[in-house]
Protein backbone atom coordinates (compact mmCIF):
# COMPACT_ATOMS: atom_id res chain seq x y z
CA MET A 1 46.26 -9.00 85.84
CA ASN A 2 48.65 -7.58 88.43
CA ASP A 3 47.59 -8.91 91.86
CA GLU A 4 49.73 -6.33 93.67
CA ASN A 5 47.92 -3.55 91.82
CA PHE A 6 44.53 -4.92 92.86
CA ASN A 7 45.63 -5.41 96.47
CA ASN A 8 46.71 -1.77 96.65
CA LEU A 9 43.39 -0.62 95.20
CA LEU A 10 41.53 -2.90 97.59
CA LYS A 11 43.28 -1.39 100.61
CA LEU A 12 42.39 2.12 99.45
CA ALA A 13 38.79 1.18 98.69
CA LEU A 14 38.18 -0.53 102.02
CA ASN A 15 39.79 2.32 103.93
CA GLU A 16 37.40 4.75 102.23
CA ASP A 17 34.45 2.80 103.66
CA LEU A 18 35.75 1.40 106.94
CA HIS A 19 38.55 3.70 108.11
CA ASP A 20 39.46 2.79 111.71
CA SER A 21 35.96 2.12 113.06
CA GLY A 22 34.47 -0.24 110.48
CA ASP A 23 30.75 -0.37 109.74
CA ILE A 24 29.44 1.20 112.94
CA THR A 25 25.82 0.54 111.94
CA SER A 26 26.16 -3.18 111.24
CA ARG A 27 28.53 -3.80 114.16
CA ALA A 28 25.95 -2.29 116.52
CA ILE A 29 23.03 -4.33 115.21
CA PHE A 30 24.51 -7.79 114.63
CA ASP A 31 26.50 -10.19 116.81
CA ASP A 32 29.78 -11.41 115.39
CA ASN A 33 28.52 -15.00 115.30
CA GLN A 34 25.30 -14.21 113.40
CA ILE A 35 25.67 -15.89 109.99
CA THR A 36 23.86 -15.12 106.75
CA THR A 37 23.87 -16.14 103.10
CA ALA A 38 23.42 -13.49 100.42
CA VAL A 39 22.73 -14.09 96.74
CA LEU A 40 24.40 -12.00 94.03
CA LYS A 41 22.14 -11.55 91.01
CA SER A 42 22.49 -9.82 87.67
CA LYS A 43 19.95 -7.09 86.95
CA ASP A 44 21.03 -6.39 83.37
CA THR A 45 22.23 -7.99 80.13
CA GLY A 46 25.97 -8.10 79.44
CA ILE A 47 29.26 -9.81 80.28
CA LEU A 48 30.68 -10.75 83.67
CA ALA A 49 34.14 -9.52 84.65
CA GLY A 50 35.79 -9.34 88.06
CA ILE A 51 34.15 -12.16 90.00
CA SER A 52 37.48 -13.19 91.56
CA PHE A 53 38.06 -9.60 92.72
CA PHE A 54 34.54 -9.56 94.14
CA SER A 55 35.42 -12.66 96.18
CA GLN A 56 38.74 -11.27 97.37
CA VAL A 57 37.07 -8.22 98.89
CA PHE A 58 34.96 -10.36 101.21
CA VAL A 59 37.86 -12.58 102.25
CA LYS A 60 39.98 -9.50 102.95
CA VAL A 61 37.32 -8.15 105.30
CA ASP A 62 36.75 -11.48 107.07
CA SER A 63 38.45 -14.78 106.25
CA ARG A 64 35.38 -16.65 107.51
CA ILE A 65 33.33 -15.46 104.55
CA VAL A 66 32.87 -18.04 101.79
CA VAL A 67 32.02 -16.92 98.26
CA ARG A 68 30.73 -19.59 95.90
CA LYS A 69 30.75 -18.38 92.32
CA LYS A 70 28.16 -19.76 89.94
CA MET A 71 29.55 -18.11 86.81
CA ASP A 72 33.02 -17.32 85.45
CA ASP A 73 34.41 -14.13 83.95
CA GLY A 74 33.47 -13.81 80.30
CA SER A 75 30.06 -15.41 80.87
CA SER A 76 26.96 -13.82 79.37
CA LEU A 77 24.57 -12.29 81.89
CA LYS A 78 20.85 -11.66 81.80
CA PRO A 79 18.50 -10.26 84.45
CA GLY A 80 17.89 -12.73 87.26
CA ASP A 81 21.04 -14.81 86.75
CA ILE A 82 22.56 -16.00 90.02
CA VAL A 83 26.25 -15.07 89.83
CA ALA A 84 27.44 -16.11 93.30
CA THR A 85 26.45 -16.72 96.91
CA VAL A 86 28.16 -15.16 99.92
CA THR A 87 28.05 -16.84 103.35
CA GLY A 88 29.52 -15.40 106.53
CA PRO A 89 28.97 -13.11 109.53
CA VAL A 90 26.24 -10.59 108.72
CA ALA A 91 28.24 -7.51 109.75
CA ALA A 92 31.31 -8.56 107.78
CA VAL A 93 29.25 -9.30 104.66
CA LEU A 94 27.66 -5.85 104.90
CA GLU A 95 31.05 -4.19 105.43
CA ALA A 96 32.43 -5.69 102.22
CA GLU A 97 29.27 -5.54 100.10
CA ARG A 98 29.55 -2.12 98.47
CA THR A 99 33.28 -2.27 97.75
CA ALA A 100 32.91 -5.75 96.22
CA ILE A 101 29.99 -4.72 94.03
CA ASN A 102 31.74 -1.51 92.98
CA PHE A 103 34.66 -3.48 91.55
CA LEU A 104 32.36 -6.00 89.89
CA SER A 105 30.00 -3.38 88.43
CA PHE A 106 32.86 -1.30 87.06
CA LEU A 107 34.63 -4.21 85.37
CA SER A 108 31.47 -5.88 84.09
CA GLY A 109 30.42 -2.53 82.65
CA ILE A 110 33.64 -2.35 80.65
CA ALA A 111 33.32 -5.97 79.50
CA SER A 112 29.70 -5.44 78.47
CA CYS A 113 30.47 -2.26 76.54
CA THR A 114 33.35 -4.01 74.79
CA ALA A 115 31.13 -6.94 73.82
CA GLN A 116 28.56 -4.57 72.31
CA HIS A 117 31.19 -2.97 70.10
CA ILE A 118 32.61 -6.33 69.06
CA LYS A 119 29.15 -7.59 68.12
CA THR A 120 28.71 -4.58 65.85
CA ALA A 121 32.17 -5.11 64.36
CA GLN A 122 31.46 -8.78 63.64
CA GLU A 123 28.14 -7.94 62.00
CA ASN A 124 29.84 -5.54 59.61
CA GLY A 125 33.31 -7.05 59.07
CA HIS A 126 36.26 -8.53 60.89
CA VAL A 127 38.08 -5.57 62.42
CA VAL A 128 39.75 -6.04 65.82
CA ILE A 129 38.55 -3.79 68.66
CA LEU A 130 41.31 -2.26 70.83
CA ASP A 131 41.24 -0.31 74.06
CA THR A 132 43.36 2.77 74.82
CA ARG A 133 45.27 4.40 77.71
CA LYS A 134 42.20 6.49 78.56
CA THR A 135 41.60 4.76 81.86
CA LEU A 136 40.77 5.77 85.42
CA PRO A 137 44.13 6.39 87.14
CA GLY A 138 45.23 3.30 89.03
CA TYR A 139 42.69 1.06 87.31
CA ARG A 140 44.44 0.46 83.99
CA SER A 141 45.37 -3.20 84.43
CA LEU A 142 41.89 -4.02 85.80
CA SER A 143 40.21 -2.09 82.99
CA LYS A 144 42.26 -3.79 80.30
CA TYR A 145 41.53 -7.16 81.89
CA ALA A 146 37.82 -6.39 81.60
CA VAL A 147 38.22 -5.43 77.94
CA LYS A 148 39.70 -8.87 77.27
CA MET A 149 36.83 -10.53 79.13
CA GLY A 150 34.49 -8.69 76.78
CA GLY A 151 36.34 -10.07 73.77
CA GLY A 152 38.49 -7.06 72.92
CA GLN A 153 42.24 -6.80 72.66
CA ASN A 154 44.63 -4.58 74.57
CA HIS A 155 46.59 -1.79 72.95
CA ARG A 156 49.84 -0.88 74.69
CA MET A 157 49.70 -1.01 78.47
CA GLY A 158 51.60 2.24 78.95
CA LEU A 159 54.35 4.43 77.56
CA TYR A 160 56.95 1.75 78.23
CA ASP A 161 55.98 -1.23 76.07
CA MET A 162 55.46 0.16 72.56
CA ILE A 163 56.63 3.15 70.54
CA MET A 164 53.74 5.47 69.70
CA ILE A 165 54.74 8.58 67.76
CA LYS A 166 51.84 11.01 68.06
CA ASP A 167 51.09 14.47 66.69
CA ASN A 168 53.00 16.36 69.37
CA HIS A 169 56.08 14.15 68.87
CA ILE A 170 55.93 14.80 65.12
CA ASP A 171 55.44 18.55 65.44
CA ALA A 172 58.23 18.92 68.02
CA ALA A 173 60.65 16.67 66.10
CA GLY A 174 59.92 18.38 62.79
CA SER A 175 58.70 15.36 60.84
CA ILE A 176 57.71 11.71 61.07
CA SER A 177 61.00 10.70 59.48
CA SER A 178 63.01 12.60 62.06
CA ALA A 179 61.06 11.10 64.96
CA VAL A 180 61.32 7.53 63.63
CA THR A 181 65.04 7.92 62.98
CA ARG A 182 65.66 9.08 66.56
CA VAL A 183 63.62 6.19 67.95
CA ARG A 184 65.58 3.64 65.93
CA ASP A 185 68.87 5.25 66.88
CA LYS A 186 67.90 4.85 70.54
CA TRP A 187 66.11 1.48 70.58
CA GLY A 188 66.90 -0.27 67.31
CA ASP A 189 64.21 -2.86 66.52
CA HIS A 190 63.43 -3.68 70.15
CA TYR A 191 59.92 -2.14 70.07
CA ARG A 192 57.09 -2.07 67.55
CA ILE A 193 56.59 1.41 66.15
CA GLU A 194 53.19 3.00 65.60
CA VAL A 195 52.77 6.44 64.06
CA GLU A 196 49.70 8.66 64.24
CA CYS A 197 48.89 10.25 60.88
CA ARG A 198 46.55 13.14 60.19
CA THR A 199 46.91 13.41 56.41
CA LEU A 200 47.60 11.16 53.44
CA GLU A 201 50.97 12.87 53.07
CA GLU A 202 51.87 11.76 56.59
CA VAL A 203 50.68 8.23 55.76
CA LYS A 204 53.07 8.19 52.79
CA GLU A 205 55.93 9.39 54.98
CA ALA A 206 55.18 6.76 57.63
CA LEU A 207 55.07 4.04 54.97
CA ASP A 208 58.44 5.19 53.64
CA CYS A 209 59.79 4.80 57.20
CA ARG A 210 58.55 1.19 57.24
CA VAL A 211 56.80 1.47 60.59
CA ASP A 212 54.71 -1.38 62.00
CA VAL A 213 51.35 0.33 62.55
CA ILE A 214 49.79 3.50 61.19
CA MET A 215 47.04 5.12 63.23
CA LEU A 216 44.61 7.11 61.11
CA ASP A 217 43.44 9.85 63.44
CA ASN A 218 39.99 11.37 62.89
CA MET A 219 40.04 10.67 59.15
CA SER A 220 36.75 10.27 57.30
CA PRO A 221 35.81 6.75 56.17
CA GLU A 222 36.61 7.76 52.59
CA MET A 223 40.07 9.08 53.47
CA THR A 224 40.68 6.04 55.66
CA SER A 225 39.95 3.72 52.72
CA GLU A 226 42.31 5.74 50.53
CA ALA A 227 45.04 5.55 53.17
CA VAL A 228 44.66 1.78 53.49
CA SER A 229 44.88 1.41 49.71
CA MET A 230 48.46 2.74 50.01
CA ARG A 231 49.42 -0.25 52.18
CA GLN A 232 52.94 -1.61 51.72
CA GLY A 233 54.39 -4.80 53.15
CA HIS A 234 53.14 -5.93 56.54
CA VAL A 235 52.11 -2.53 57.90
CA GLU A 236 48.85 -2.53 59.87
CA PHE A 237 46.27 0.25 60.01
CA GLU A 238 44.32 1.47 63.02
CA ALA A 239 41.36 3.85 62.89
CA SER A 240 40.86 6.12 65.88
CA GLY A 241 38.97 9.21 66.94
CA ASN A 242 35.79 9.29 69.05
CA MET A 243 34.70 5.88 67.82
CA ASP A 244 31.30 4.50 68.79
CA LEU A 245 28.84 1.85 67.60
CA GLU A 246 27.64 3.89 64.63
CA LYS A 247 31.14 4.81 63.52
CA ILE A 248 32.24 1.17 63.64
CA LYS A 249 29.66 0.42 60.94
CA LYS A 250 31.18 3.12 58.73
CA TYR A 251 34.85 2.25 59.30
CA ASN A 252 34.61 -1.53 59.48
CA ASN A 253 34.84 -2.02 55.72
CA THR A 254 37.57 0.54 55.06
CA GLY A 255 40.25 -2.16 55.29
CA VAL A 256 41.70 -1.14 58.65
CA ASP A 257 42.98 -3.91 60.90
CA TYR A 258 42.04 -2.24 64.18
CA ILE A 259 39.62 0.28 65.63
CA SER A 260 40.69 1.75 68.98
CA ILE A 261 37.92 3.01 71.25
CA GLY A 262 38.53 5.21 74.27
CA LYS A 263 34.97 5.04 75.56
CA LEU A 264 35.39 1.35 76.45
CA THR A 265 37.23 2.48 79.57
CA HIS A 266 36.82 6.26 79.97
CA SER A 267 33.01 6.42 80.00
CA VAL A 268 31.97 3.32 81.88
CA LYS A 269 28.32 2.58 82.63
CA ALA A 270 28.31 0.47 85.77
CA PHE A 271 26.65 -2.92 85.39
CA ASP A 272 23.72 -3.43 87.76
CA PHE A 273 23.94 -6.20 90.37
CA SER A 274 22.02 -6.88 93.58
CA LEU A 275 23.21 -8.72 96.70
CA VAL A 276 20.21 -9.82 98.74
CA MET A 277 20.27 -11.77 102.00
CA GLU A 278 18.12 -14.88 102.11
């Protein structure tokens, strides 16, 4: 996880809430030396992710605040679980509360969703669940961290760390072979090459190019199984295309190595937490 990325997001998030004046309600009601302890509890079932970021928000607002975590990222949560306690000046705790919970709810939601999909995958086979680049702008590294906390694996981080030849590349270049040749002329064997295929003919062409990974885009389970049966050498297969829990059950036994799921990060249901003062 990139700390600089989180620090930049934290500055933006706190500025949205506090701007130049801070929490004008809490600062009017409470003295600066009035201390409280608040308890963070889970209100749902899932996986914890982002507890260190939760803590950093409070410390950023007021270094006198002490957060004592009771659970680590990757831990299973159930309603009523005590996740952490927060002790410090009342006004400062209230200033940081919503921003801290927003980060924690967002990341724990991703981790929990990922864990649900992995559970389904494990019940029906051994396929690896991957995330995608379909992330909230600015939140990619945090989102992918949460996927890992939920037991998933990260696909490429961006456009810079893996070759992914998709439909538009193929159509503009004229063919898979042409696109792969140009990539190898430019980069040699420095990057793994993945090619998105829409038909069995494209799968055959990609196999002839000896690429590393073939993504089977929106193919039926039957066509996916047929494509995998064409496997040569060490090529890996990835199924993709609006995947969800029900589709995992259908694609898990097709022989693919990976299923990539955009909804892990692009349609996040926030995990429910409460922070209540004692």
